Amino acid sequence: MIGLIPPAIRALAHRRMALSALRANSSLSVRLKRYNAHMAIVRSCEAIASNSPETTQHRVVGYPLAGHD
């Protein structure tokens, strides 16, 4: 099921979860572990998104990506 979610959307969701983890009512070490775990997922999703065929195709053809002027 994870493969059906586009990497950019998944990265955004995990970035929000990471920020929520910092505000949780837990000990500092637990909040930091959760934050770091979510941010690791964000970095891997962004790496996948930057290497996806759709992104490279738009860059090669010269069409700007949405939100990237």
PDB file of N, CA and C in Angstrom:
ATOM      1  N   MET A   1       0.819  -1.196   0.000  1.00  0.00           N
ATOM      2  CA  MET A   1       0.000   0.000   0.000  1.00  0.00           C
ATOM      3  C   MET A   1       0.860   1.255   0.000  1.00  0.00           C
ATOM      4  N   ILE A   2       2.045   1.197   0.585  1.00  0.00           N
ATOM      5  CA  ILE A   2       2.903   2.371   0.642  1.00  0.00           C
ATOM      6  C   ILE A   2       3.317   2.805  -0.760  1.00  0.00           C
ATOM      7  N   GLY A   3       3.484   1.860  -1.667  1.00  0.00           N
ATOM      8  CA  GLY A   3       3.912   2.191  -3.016  1.00  0.00           C
ATOM      9  C   GLY A   3       2.895   3.007  -3.805  1.00  0.00           C
ATOM     10  N   LEU A   4       1.655   3.065  -3.345  1.00  0.00           N
ATOM     11  CA  LEU A   4       0.622   3.800  -4.059  1.00  0.00           C
ATOM     12  C   LEU A   4       0.637   5.293  -3.747  1.00  0.00           C
ATOM     13  N   ILE A   5       1.311   5.692  -2.679  1.00  0.00           N
ATOM     14  CA  ILE A   5       1.365   7.099  -2.290  1.00  0.00           C
ATOM     15  C   ILE A   5       2.577   7.735  -2.961  1.00  0.00           C
ATOM     16  N   PRO A   6       2.386   8.815  -3.721  1.00  0.00           N
ATOM     17  CA  PRO A   6       3.530   9.472  -4.354  1.00  0.00           C
ATOM     18  C   PRO A   6       4.551   9.930  -3.306  1.00  0.00           C
ATOM     19  N   PRO A   7       5.843   9.827  -3.613  1.00  0.00           N
ATOM     20  CA  PRO A   7       6.881  10.160  -2.636  1.00  0.00           C
ATOM     21  C   PRO A   7       6.791  11.591  -2.093  1.00  0.00           C
ATOM     22  N   ALA A   8       6.405  12.536  -2.922  1.00  0.00           N
ATOM     23  CA  ALA A   8       6.336  13.921  -2.452  1.00  0.00           C
ATOM     24  C   ALA A   8       5.245  14.100  -1.397  1.00  0.00           C
ATOM     25  N   ILE A   9       4.107  13.446  -1.605  1.00  0.00           N
ATOM     26  CA  ILE A   9       3.012  13.538  -0.629  1.00  0.00           C
ATOM     27  C   ILE A   9       3.393  12.816   0.651  1.00  0.00           C
ATOM     28  N   ARG A  10       4.032  11.670   0.507  1.00  0.00           N
ATOM     29  CA  ARG A  10       4.472  10.909   1.685  1.00  0.00           C
ATOM     30  C   ARG A  10       5.502  11.710   2.480  1.00  0.00           C
ATOM     31  N   ALA A  11       6.412  12.394   1.784  1.00  0.00           N
ATOM     32  CA  ALA A  11       7.415  13.210   2.466  1.00  0.00           C
ATOM     33  C   ALA A  11       6.752  14.342   3.242  1.00  0.00           C
ATOM     34  N   LEU A  12       5.766  14.979   2.645  1.00  0.00           N
ATOM     35  CA  LEU A  12       5.053  16.053   3.324  1.00  0.00           C
ATOM     36  C   LEU A  12       4.353  15.533   4.576  1.00  0.00           C
ATOM     37  N   ALA A  13       3.719  14.384   4.466  1.00  0.00           N
ATOM     38  CA  ALA A  13       3.026  13.804   5.615  1.00  0.00           C
ATOM     39  C   ALA A  13       4.006  13.487   6.740  1.00  0.00           C
ATOM     40  N   HIS A  14       5.155  12.912   6.403  1.00  0.00           N
ATOM     41  CA  HIS A  14       6.133  12.571   7.442  1.00  0.00           C
ATOM     42  C   HIS A  14       6.799  13.810   8.019  1.00  0.00           C
ATOM     43  N   ARG A  15       6.931  14.871   7.228  1.00  0.00           N
ATOM     44  CA  ARG A  15       7.473  16.118   7.766  1.00  0.00           C
ATOM     45  C   ARG A  15       6.520  16.680   8.826  1.00  0.00           C
ATOM     46  N   ARG A  16       5.237  16.604   8.553  1.00  0.00           N
ATOM     47  CA  ARG A  16       4.246  17.066   9.533  1.00  0.00           C
ATOM     48  C   ARG A  16       4.234  16.177  10.771  1.00  0.00           C
ATOM     49  N   MET A  17       4.381  14.856  10.568  1.00  0.00           N
ATOM     50  CA  MET A  17       4.441  13.949  11.717  1.00  0.00           C
ATOM     51  C   MET A  17       5.677  14.221  12.557  1.00  0.00           C
ATOM     52  N   ALA A  18       6.783  14.574  11.911  1.00  0.00           N
ATOM     53  CA  ALA A  18       8.016  14.886  12.643  1.00  0.00           C
ATOM     54  C   ALA A  18       7.820  16.112  13.515  1.00  0.00           C
ATOM     55  N   LEU A  19       7.181  17.140  12.977  1.00  0.00           N
ATOM     56  CA  LEU A  19       6.922  18.338  13.778  1.00  0.00           C
ATOM     57  C   LEU A  19       5.946  18.047  14.909  1.00  0.00           C
ATOM     58  N   SER A  20       4.973  17.194  14.663  1.00  0.00           N
ATOM     59  CA  SER A  20       4.039  16.813  15.719  1.00  0.00           C
ATOM     60  C   SER A  20       4.744  16.020  16.808  1.00  0.00           C
ATOM     61  N   ALA A  21       5.721  15.214  16.406  1.00  0.00           N
ATOM     62  CA  ALA A  21       6.463  14.425  17.389  1.00  0.00           C
ATOM     63  C   ALA A  21       7.216  15.329  18.366  1.00  0.00           C
ATOM     64  N   LEU A  22       7.679  16.472  17.883  1.00  0.00           N
ATOM     65  CA  LEU A  22       8.392  17.397  18.774  1.00  0.00           C
ATOM     66  C   LEU A  22       7.468  18.018  19.817  1.00  0.00           C
ATOM     67  N   ARG A  23       6.198  18.145  19.473  1.00  0.00           N
ATOM     68  CA  ARG A  23       5.240  18.783  20.382  1.00  0.00           C
ATOM     69  C   ARG A  23       4.493  17.788  21.261  1.00  0.00           C
ATOM     70  N   ALA A  24       4.771  16.505  21.113  1.00  0.00           N
ATOM     71  CA  ALA A  24       4.039  15.480  21.854  1.00  0.00           C
ATOM     72  C   ALA A  24       4.334  15.559  23.352  1.00  0.00           C
ATOM     73  N   ASN A  25       3.466  14.959  24.114  1.00  0.00           N
ATOM     74  CA  ASN A  25       3.606  14.945  25.563  1.00  0.00           C
ATOM     75  C   ASN A  25       4.404  13.703  25.971  1.00  0.00           C
ATOM     76  N   SER A  26       5.664  13.652  25.583  1.00  0.00           N
ATOM     77  CA  SER A  26       6.561  12.539  25.876  1.00  0.00           C
ATOM     78  C   SER A  26       7.888  13.100  26.358  1.00  0.00           C
ATOM     79  N   SER A  27       8.761  12.205  26.752  1.00  0.00           N
ATOM     80  CA  SER A  27      10.087  12.669  27.176  1.00  0.00           C
ATOM     81  C   SER A  27      10.854  13.216  25.970  1.00  0.00           C
ATOM     82  N   LEU A  28      11.848  14.009  26.254  1.00  0.00           N
ATOM     83  CA  LEU A  28      12.634  14.620  25.184  1.00  0.00           C
ATOM     84  C   LEU A  28      13.298  13.568  24.301  1.00  0.00           C
ATOM     85  N   SER A  29      13.820  12.510  24.911  1.00  0.00           N
ATOM     86  CA  SER A  29      14.505  11.484  24.110  1.00  0.00           C
ATOM     87  C   SER A  29      13.540  10.769  23.170  1.00  0.00           C
ATOM     88  N   VAL A  30      12.323  10.508  23.629  1.00  0.00           N
ATOM     89  CA  VAL A  30      11.324   9.853  22.781  1.00  0.00           C
ATOM     90  C   VAL A  30      10.911  10.781  21.653  1.00  0.00           C
ATOM     91  N   ARG A  31      10.688  12.055  21.963  1.00  0.00           N
ATOM     92  CA  ARG A  31      10.305  13.013  20.921  1.00  0.00           C
ATOM     93  C   ARG A  31      11.399  13.136  19.877  1.00  0.00           C
ATOM     94  N   LEU A  32      12.654  13.175  20.294  1.00  0.00           N
ATOM     95  CA  LEU A  32      13.770  13.287  19.355  1.00  0.00           C
ATOM     96  C   LEU A  32      13.897  12.043  18.480  1.00  0.00           C
ATOM     97  N   LYS A  33      13.704  10.858  19.069  1.00  0.00           N
ATOM     98  CA  LYS A  33      13.753   9.617  18.284  1.00  0.00           C
ATOM     99  C   LYS A  33      12.668   9.602  17.216  1.00  0.00           C
ATOM    100  N   ARG A  34      11.457   9.991  17.590  1.00  0.00           N
ATOM    101  CA  ARG A  34      10.353  10.004  16.629  1.00  0.00           C
ATOM    102  C   ARG A  34      10.611  11.032  15.531  1.00  0.00           C
ATOM    103  N   TYR A  35      11.092  12.204  15.927  1.00  0.00           N
ATOM    104  CA  TYR A  35      11.406  13.244  14.951  1.00  0.00           C
ATOM    105  C   TYR A  35      12.453  12.738  13.956  1.00  0.00           C
ATOM    106  N   ASN A  36      13.542  12.184  14.464  1.00  0.00           N
ATOM    107  CA  ASN A  36      14.616  11.699  13.594  1.00  0.00           C
ATOM    108  C   ASN A  36      14.144  10.568  12.684  1.00  0.00           C
ATOM    109  N   ALA A  37      13.280   9.685  13.194  1.00  0.00           N
ATOM    110  CA  ALA A  37      12.776   8.585  12.372  1.00  0.00           C
ATOM    111  C   ALA A  37      11.931   9.123  11.217  1.00  0.00           C
ATOM    112  N   HIS A  38      11.065  10.086  11.510  1.00  0.00           N
ATOM    113  CA  HIS A  38      10.229  10.655  10.450  1.00  0.00           C
ATOM    114  C   HIS A  38      11.069  11.454   9.447  1.00  0.00           C
ATOM    115  N   MET A  39      12.052  12.183   9.910  1.00  0.00           N
ATOM    116  CA  MET A  39      12.886  12.964   8.998  1.00  0.00           C
ATOM    117  C   MET A  39      13.746  12.062   8.111  1.00  0.00           C
ATOM    118  N   ALA A  40      14.130  10.894   8.607  1.00  0.00           N
ATOM    119  CA  ALA A  40      14.865   9.941   7.770  1.00  0.00           C
ATOM    120  C   ALA A  40      13.977   9.463   6.620  1.00  0.00           C
ATOM    121  N   ILE A  41      12.708   9.233   6.916  1.00  0.00           N
ATOM    122  CA  ILE A  41      11.766   8.833   5.872  1.00  0.00           C
ATOM    123  C   ILE A  41      11.578   9.971   4.870  1.00  0.00           C
ATOM    124  N   VAL A  42      11.508  11.211   5.372  1.00  0.00           N
ATOM    125  CA  VAL A  42      11.371  12.374   4.489  1.00  0.00           C
ATOM    126  C   VAL A  42      12.547  12.449   3.527  1.00  0.00           C
ATOM    127  N   ARG A  43      13.759  12.289   4.041  1.00  0.00           N
ATOM    128  CA  ARG A  43      14.938  12.361   3.173  1.00  0.00           C
ATOM    129  C   ARG A  43      14.930  11.266   2.116  1.00  0.00           C
ATOM    130  N   SER A  44      14.529  10.050   2.496  1.00  0.00           N
ATOM    131  CA  SER A  44      14.501   8.972   1.500  1.00  0.00           C
ATOM    132  C   SER A  44      13.403   9.209   0.461  1.00  0.00           C
ATOM    133  N   CYS A  45      12.252   9.728   0.884  1.00  0.00           N
ATOM    134  CA  CYS A  45      11.177  10.032  -0.074  1.00  0.00           C
ATOM    135  C   CYS A  45      11.596  11.133  -1.040  1.00  0.00           C
ATOM    136  N   GLU A  46      12.278  12.139  -0.527  1.00  0.00           N
ATOM    137  CA  GLU A  46      12.731  13.221  -1.401  1.00  0.00           C
ATOM    138  C   GLU A  46      13.772  12.733  -2.394  1.00  0.00           C
ATOM    139  N   ALA A  47      14.612  11.793  -1.976  1.00  0.00           N
ATOM    140  CA  ALA A  47      15.598  11.226  -2.899  1.00  0.00           C
ATOM    141  C   ALA A  47      14.898  10.437  -4.001  1.00  0.00           C
ATOM    142  N   ILE A  48      13.868   9.688  -3.622  1.00  0.00           N
ATOM    143  CA  ILE A  48      13.107   8.923  -4.610  1.00  0.00           C
ATOM    144  C   ILE A  48      12.385   9.870  -5.563  1.00  0.00           C
ATOM    145  N   ALA A  49      11.779  10.924  -5.015  1.00  0.00           N
ATOM    146  CA  ALA A  49      11.037  11.871  -5.844  1.00  0.00           C
ATOM    147  C   ALA A  49      11.954  12.605  -6.816  1.00  0.00           C
ATOM    148  N   SER A  50      13.167  12.915  -6.387  1.00  0.00           N
ATOM    149  CA  SER A  50      14.080  13.638  -7.275  1.00  0.00           C
ATOM    150  C   SER A  50      14.616  12.747  -8.398  1.00  0.00           C
ATOM    151  N   ASN A  51      14.553  11.435  -8.220  1.00  0.00           N
ATOM    152  CA  ASN A  51      15.035  10.513  -9.251  1.00  0.00           C
ATOM    153  C   ASN A  51      13.917   9.875 -10.052  1.00  0.00           C
ATOM    154  N   SER A  52      12.666  10.289  -9.809  1.00  0.00           N
ATOM    155  CA  SER A  52      11.549   9.665 -10.508  1.00  0.00           C
ATOM    156  C   SER A  52      11.525  10.085 -11.979  1.00  0.00           C
ATOM    157  N   PRO A  53      11.021   9.241 -12.858  1.00  0.00           N
ATOM    158  CA  PRO A  53      10.987   9.553 -14.290  1.00  0.00           C
ATOM    159  C   PRO A  53      10.152  10.789 -14.614  1.00  0.00           C
ATOM    160  N   GLU A  54       9.044  11.011 -13.879  1.00  0.00           N
ATOM    161  CA  GLU A  54       8.209  12.172 -14.178  1.00  0.00           C
ATOM    162  C   GLU A  54       8.991  13.460 -13.969  1.00  0.00           C
ATOM    163  N   THR A  55       9.746  13.524 -12.875  1.00  0.00           N
ATOM    164  CA  THR A  55      10.483  14.744 -12.564  1.00  0.00           C
ATOM    165  C   THR A  55      11.585  14.990 -13.590  1.00  0.00           C
ATOM    166  N   THR A  56      12.348  13.966 -13.919  1.00  0.00           N
ATOM    167  CA  THR A  56      13.429  14.160 -14.872  1.00  0.00           C
ATOM    168  C   THR A  56      12.887  14.458 -16.258  1.00  0.00           C
ATOM    169  N   GLN A  57      11.764  13.863 -16.626  1.00  0.00           N
ATOM    170  CA  GLN A  57      11.188  14.120 -17.930  1.00  0.00           C
ATOM    171  C   GLN A  57      10.794  15.596 -18.049  1.00  0.00           C
ATOM    172  N   HIS A  58      10.180  16.154 -17.037  1.00  0.00           N
ATOM    173  CA  HIS A  58       9.786  17.558 -17.080  1.00  0.00           C
ATOM    174  C   HIS A  58      11.010  18.465 -17.141  1.00  0.00           C
ATOM    175  N   ARG A  59      12.057  18.091 -16.437  1.00  0.00           N
ATOM    176  CA  ARG A  59      13.257  18.928 -16.452  1.00  0.00           C
ATOM    177  C   ARG A  59      13.952  18.867 -17.809  1.00  0.00           C
ATOM    178  N   VAL A  60      13.949  17.697 -18.431  1.00  0.00           N
ATOM    179  CA  VAL A  60      14.615  17.559 -19.722  1.00  0.00           C
ATOM    180  C   VAL A  60      13.838  18.311 -20.787  1.00  0.00           C
ATOM    181  N   VAL A  61      12.515  18.205 -20.792  1.00  0.00           N
ATOM    182  CA  VAL A  61      11.701  18.871 -21.786  1.00  0.00           C
ATOM    183  C   VAL A  61      11.678  20.360 -21.559  1.00  0.00           C
ATOM    184  N   GLY A  62      11.837  20.789 -20.328  1.00  0.00           N
ATOM    185  CA  GLY A  62      11.872  22.194 -20.037  1.00  0.00           C
ATOM    186  C   GLY A  62      10.608  22.745 -19.430  1.00  0.00           C
ATOM    187  N   TYR A  63       9.659  21.886 -19.109  1.00  0.00           N
ATOM    188  CA  TYR A  63       8.449  22.354 -18.463  1.00  0.00           C
ATOM    189  C   TYR A  63       8.719  22.511 -16.961  1.00  0.00           C
ATOM    190  N   PRO A  64       8.320  23.611 -16.374  1.00  0.00           N
ATOM    191  CA  PRO A  64       8.549  23.773 -14.939  1.00  0.00           C
ATOM    192  C   PRO A  64       7.639  22.861 -14.147  1.00  0.00           C
ATOM    193  N   LEU A  65       8.142  22.396 -13.031  1.00  0.00           N
ATOM    194  CA  LEU A  65       7.332  21.595 -12.129  1.00  0.00           C
ATOM    195  C   LEU A  65       6.404  22.515 -11.354  1.00  0.00           C
ATOM    196  N   ALA A  66       5.321  21.981 -10.862  1.00  0.00           N
ATOM    197  CA  ALA A  66       4.380  22.784 -10.088  1.00  0.00           C
ATOM    198  C   ALA A  66       5.073  23.284  -8.828  1.00  0.00           C
ATOM    199  N   GLY A  67       5.029  24.580  -8.612  1.00  0.00           N
ATOM    200  CA  GLY A  67       5.628  25.162  -7.431  1.00  0.00           C
ATOM    201  C   GLY A  67       7.118  25.439  -7.547  1.00  0.00           C
ATOM    202  N   HIS A  68       7.726  25.084  -8.687  1.00  0.00           N
ATOM    203  CA  HIS A  68       9.165  25.303  -8.882  1.00  0.00           C
ATOM    204  C   HIS A  68       9.370  26.256 -10.048  1.00  0.00           C
ATOM    205  N   ASP A  69       9.228  27.525  -9.825  1.00  0.00           N
ATOM    206  CA  ASP A  69       9.361  28.499 -10.906  1.00  0.00           C
ATOM    207  C   ASP A  69      10.814  28.813 -11.198  1.00  0.00           C
TER     208      ASP A  69
END
